[in-house]
């Protein structure tokens, strides 16, 4: 269900003209809706990236104390030789 909210706002005319040049929107309403969708998408992506970074740091911290029984070079050599 979509709820529409009617509102009156004062916009900077020069900013609107510049935004219209960069957008394919034909009306101010379409321009504002495009800008709101873009803002939501960008912030959601930022949030996902931040969450990923936090999880990656936590994983790195958990793995920091682990050591390999063999050197990485030795493991690669054995893998190439087919063990």
N, C-alpha and C. Protein backbone atom coordinates (compact mmCIF):
# COMPACT_ATOMS: atom_id res chain seq x y z
N UNK A 1 0.84 -1.18 0.00
CA UNK A 1 0.00 0.00 0.00
C UNK A 1 0.88 1.24 0.00
N UNK A 2 0.63 2.13 -0.93
CA UNK A 2 1.41 3.36 -1.03
C UNK A 2 0.61 4.53 -0.47
N UNK A 3 1.23 5.28 0.39
CA UNK A 3 0.60 6.46 0.96
C UNK A 3 1.32 7.67 0.41
N UNK A 4 0.59 8.58 -0.17
CA UNK A 4 1.18 9.79 -0.73
C UNK A 4 1.04 10.92 0.28
N UNK A 5 2.09 11.73 0.39
CA UNK A 5 2.09 12.83 1.32
C UNK A 5 2.22 14.13 0.52
N UNK A 6 1.26 14.95 0.63
CA UNK A 6 1.30 16.23 -0.07
C UNK A 6 1.95 17.25 0.84
N UNK A 7 2.90 18.01 0.25
CA UNK A 7 3.59 19.02 1.05
C UNK A 7 4.04 20.16 0.16
N UNK A 8 4.26 21.27 0.74
CA UNK A 8 4.81 22.43 0.03
C UNK A 8 6.20 22.69 0.58
N UNK A 9 7.17 22.85 -0.33
CA UNK A 9 8.53 23.14 0.10
C UNK A 9 9.10 24.24 -0.78
N UNK A 10 10.05 24.96 -0.21
CA UNK A 10 10.74 26.00 -0.95
C UNK A 10 12.07 25.41 -1.40
N UNK A 11 12.33 25.45 -2.71
CA UNK A 11 13.54 24.87 -3.28
C UNK A 11 14.41 25.96 -3.89
N UNK A 12 15.69 25.77 -3.84
CA UNK A 12 16.64 26.67 -4.47
C UNK A 12 16.50 26.51 -5.99
N UNK A 13 16.06 27.56 -6.68
CA UNK A 13 15.80 27.48 -8.12
C UNK A 13 17.02 27.06 -8.92
N UNK A 14 18.19 27.61 -8.59
CA UNK A 14 19.41 27.25 -9.32
C UNK A 14 19.76 25.78 -9.11
N UNK A 15 19.60 25.31 -7.89
CA UNK A 15 19.88 23.90 -7.60
C UNK A 15 18.92 22.99 -8.36
N UNK A 16 17.65 23.38 -8.43
CA UNK A 16 16.66 22.60 -9.18
C UNK A 16 17.02 22.58 -10.66
N UNK A 17 17.41 23.73 -11.23
CA UNK A 17 17.79 23.78 -12.65
C UNK A 17 18.99 22.87 -12.92
N UNK A 18 19.98 22.93 -12.04
CA UNK A 18 21.17 22.08 -12.22
C UNK A 18 20.80 20.61 -12.11
N UNK A 19 19.97 20.26 -11.14
CA UNK A 19 19.54 18.87 -10.97
C UNK A 19 18.75 18.40 -12.19
N UNK A 20 17.92 19.25 -12.74
CA UNK A 20 17.14 18.89 -13.93
C UNK A 20 18.07 18.62 -15.12
N UNK A 21 19.18 19.33 -15.20
CA UNK A 21 20.14 19.09 -16.29
C UNK A 21 20.77 17.70 -16.16
N UNK A 22 20.93 17.23 -14.93
CA UNK A 22 21.57 15.92 -14.69
C UNK A 22 20.57 14.77 -14.62
N UNK A 23 19.31 15.09 -14.66
CA UNK A 23 18.27 14.08 -14.50
C UNK A 23 17.46 13.98 -15.79
N UNK A 24 16.77 12.85 -15.90
CA UNK A 24 15.84 12.71 -17.02
C UNK A 24 14.43 13.06 -16.60
N UNK A 25 14.28 13.55 -15.38
CA UNK A 25 12.96 13.92 -14.87
C UNK A 25 12.41 15.10 -15.68
N UNK A 26 11.11 15.04 -15.91
CA UNK A 26 10.46 16.10 -16.68
C UNK A 26 9.77 17.12 -15.78
N UNK A 27 9.53 16.73 -14.53
CA UNK A 27 8.85 17.64 -13.61
C UNK A 27 9.64 17.72 -12.30
N UNK A 28 9.34 18.77 -11.52
CA UNK A 28 9.99 18.90 -10.21
C UNK A 28 9.60 17.74 -9.31
N UNK A 29 8.36 17.30 -9.39
CA UNK A 29 7.91 16.18 -8.58
C UNK A 29 8.73 14.92 -8.90
N UNK A 30 8.91 14.65 -10.20
CA UNK A 30 9.69 13.48 -10.61
C UNK A 30 11.14 13.62 -10.16
N UNK A 31 11.65 14.84 -10.23
CA UNK A 31 13.01 15.10 -9.79
C UNK A 31 13.19 14.80 -8.30
N UNK A 32 12.26 15.28 -7.49
CA UNK A 32 12.32 15.05 -6.04
C UNK A 32 12.19 13.56 -5.74
N UNK A 33 11.27 12.87 -6.41
CA UNK A 33 11.12 11.42 -6.18
C UNK A 33 12.39 10.68 -6.56
N UNK A 34 13.01 11.06 -7.68
CA UNK A 34 14.26 10.44 -8.10
C UNK A 34 15.35 10.70 -7.06
N UNK A 35 15.42 11.92 -6.56
CA UNK A 35 16.43 12.27 -5.56
C UNK A 35 16.21 11.47 -4.27
N UNK A 36 14.96 11.31 -3.85
CA UNK A 36 14.67 10.54 -2.64
C UNK A 36 15.03 9.07 -2.82
N UNK A 37 14.69 8.50 -3.99
CA UNK A 37 15.05 7.10 -4.26
C UNK A 37 16.56 6.91 -4.26
N UNK A 38 17.27 7.87 -4.86
CA UNK A 38 18.73 7.79 -4.91
C UNK A 38 19.31 7.87 -3.50
N UNK A 39 18.80 8.76 -2.69
CA UNK A 39 19.27 8.90 -1.31
C UNK A 39 19.06 7.60 -0.54
N UNK A 40 17.88 7.02 -0.65
CA UNK A 40 17.58 5.76 0.06
C UNK A 40 18.51 4.65 -0.42
N UNK A 41 18.72 4.54 -1.73
CA UNK A 41 19.60 3.49 -2.27
C UNK A 41 21.04 3.66 -1.80
N UNK A 42 21.54 4.88 -1.86
CA UNK A 42 22.92 5.15 -1.46
C UNK A 42 23.13 4.86 0.02
N UNK A 43 22.21 5.32 0.86
CA UNK A 43 22.35 5.09 2.30
C UNK A 43 22.23 3.60 2.65
N UNK A 44 21.36 2.88 1.95
CA UNK A 44 21.21 1.44 2.19
C UNK A 44 22.51 0.72 1.80
N UNK A 45 23.12 1.12 0.68
CA UNK A 45 24.39 0.53 0.26
C UNK A 45 25.49 0.83 1.28
N UNK A 46 25.52 2.06 1.78
CA UNK A 46 26.50 2.42 2.80
C UNK A 46 26.33 1.56 4.04
N UNK A 47 25.08 1.35 4.43
CA UNK A 47 24.79 0.54 5.61
C UNK A 47 25.24 -0.90 5.40
N UNK A 48 24.97 -1.46 4.22
CA UNK A 48 25.41 -2.83 3.93
C UNK A 48 26.93 -2.94 3.93
N UNK A 49 27.60 -1.94 3.33
CA UNK A 49 29.07 -1.96 3.32
C UNK A 49 29.63 -1.87 4.74
N UNK A 50 29.05 -1.02 5.56
CA UNK A 50 29.50 -0.87 6.95
C UNK A 50 29.30 -2.18 7.70
N UNK A 51 28.17 -2.82 7.51
CA UNK A 51 27.89 -4.09 8.16
C UNK A 51 28.91 -5.14 7.71
N UNK A 52 29.21 -5.17 6.42
CA UNK A 52 30.19 -6.12 5.89
C UNK A 52 31.56 -5.85 6.50
N UNK A 53 31.95 -4.58 6.55
CA UNK A 53 33.25 -4.23 7.12
C UNK A 53 33.34 -4.64 8.58
N UNK A 54 32.28 -4.41 9.34
CA UNK A 54 32.26 -4.80 10.75
C UNK A 54 32.41 -6.31 10.90
N UNK A 55 31.68 -7.07 10.07
CA UNK A 55 31.78 -8.53 10.14
C UNK A 55 33.17 -9.01 9.72
N UNK A 56 33.77 -8.38 8.72
CA UNK A 56 35.10 -8.74 8.26
C UNK A 56 36.14 -8.49 9.36
N UNK A 57 36.04 -7.35 10.02
CA UNK A 57 36.97 -7.03 11.11
C UNK A 57 36.82 -8.04 12.25
N UNK A 58 35.58 -8.40 12.59
CA UNK A 58 35.34 -9.38 13.65
C UNK A 58 35.95 -10.73 13.28
N UNK A 59 35.79 -11.13 12.02
CA UNK A 59 36.37 -12.39 11.57
C UNK A 59 37.89 -12.34 11.62
N UNK A 60 38.48 -11.24 11.16
CA UNK A 60 39.93 -11.10 11.21
C UNK A 60 40.43 -11.16 12.65
N UNK A 61 39.72 -10.56 13.57
CA UNK A 61 40.12 -10.61 14.98
C UNK A 61 40.05 -12.03 15.52
N UNK A 62 39.02 -12.79 15.12
CA UNK A 62 38.90 -14.17 15.58
C UNK A 62 40.00 -15.04 14.99
N UNK A 63 40.41 -14.78 13.76
CA UNK A 63 41.43 -15.60 13.10
C UNK A 63 42.86 -15.17 13.46
N UNK A 64 43.01 -14.01 14.07
CA UNK A 64 44.34 -13.47 14.34
C UNK A 64 45.20 -14.41 15.19
N UNK A 65 44.60 -15.13 16.11
CA UNK A 65 45.36 -15.99 16.99
C UNK A 65 45.66 -17.36 16.42
N UNK A 66 45.12 -17.68 15.27
CA UNK A 66 45.33 -19.00 14.68
C UNK A 66 46.66 -19.06 13.92
N UNK A 67 47.30 -20.22 13.96
CA UNK A 67 48.52 -20.41 13.18
C UNK A 67 48.38 -21.69 12.36
N UNK A 68 49.07 -21.72 11.24
CA UNK A 68 49.03 -22.88 10.36
C UNK A 68 50.06 -23.91 10.83
N UNK A 69 49.75 -25.18 10.68
CA UNK A 69 50.70 -26.24 11.02
C UNK A 69 51.84 -26.29 10.02
N UNK A 70 51.54 -25.91 8.78
CA UNK A 70 52.54 -25.89 7.73
C UNK A 70 52.58 -24.48 7.16
N UNK A 71 53.69 -24.15 6.51
CA UNK A 71 53.77 -22.83 5.89
C UNK A 71 52.83 -22.79 4.69
N UNK A 72 52.40 -21.61 4.35
CA UNK A 72 51.51 -21.45 3.20
C UNK A 72 52.19 -21.93 1.92
N UNK A 73 53.48 -21.67 1.80
CA UNK A 73 54.24 -22.10 0.62
C UNK A 73 54.23 -23.62 0.51
N UNK A 74 54.44 -24.31 1.63
CA UNK A 74 54.45 -25.77 1.64
C UNK A 74 53.07 -26.32 1.27
N UNK A 75 52.03 -25.70 1.78
CA UNK A 75 50.66 -26.15 1.47
C UNK A 75 50.38 -26.00 -0.02
N UNK A 76 50.80 -24.90 -0.61
CA UNK A 76 50.57 -24.67 -2.05
C UNK A 76 51.36 -25.70 -2.87
N UNK A 77 52.63 -25.94 -2.48
CA UNK A 77 53.45 -26.92 -3.19
C UNK A 77 52.81 -28.30 -3.16
N UNK A 78 52.33 -28.69 -1.99
CA UNK A 78 51.69 -30.01 -1.86
C UNK A 78 50.41 -30.08 -2.70
N UNK A 79 49.67 -28.98 -2.72
CA UNK A 79 48.43 -28.96 -3.51
C UNK A 79 48.74 -29.11 -5.00
N UNK A 80 49.78 -28.46 -5.46
CA UNK A 80 50.17 -28.55 -6.86
C UNK A 80 50.63 -29.94 -7.22
N UNK A 81 51.28 -30.60 -6.27
CA UNK A 81 51.77 -31.96 -6.53
C UNK A 81 50.66 -32.99 -6.39
N UNK A 82 49.51 -32.58 -5.99
CA UNK A 82 48.38 -33.48 -5.87
C UNK A 82 48.39 -34.31 -4.60
N UNK A 83 49.19 -33.93 -3.65
CA UNK A 83 49.31 -34.58 -2.34
C UNK A 83 49.44 -36.03 -2.49
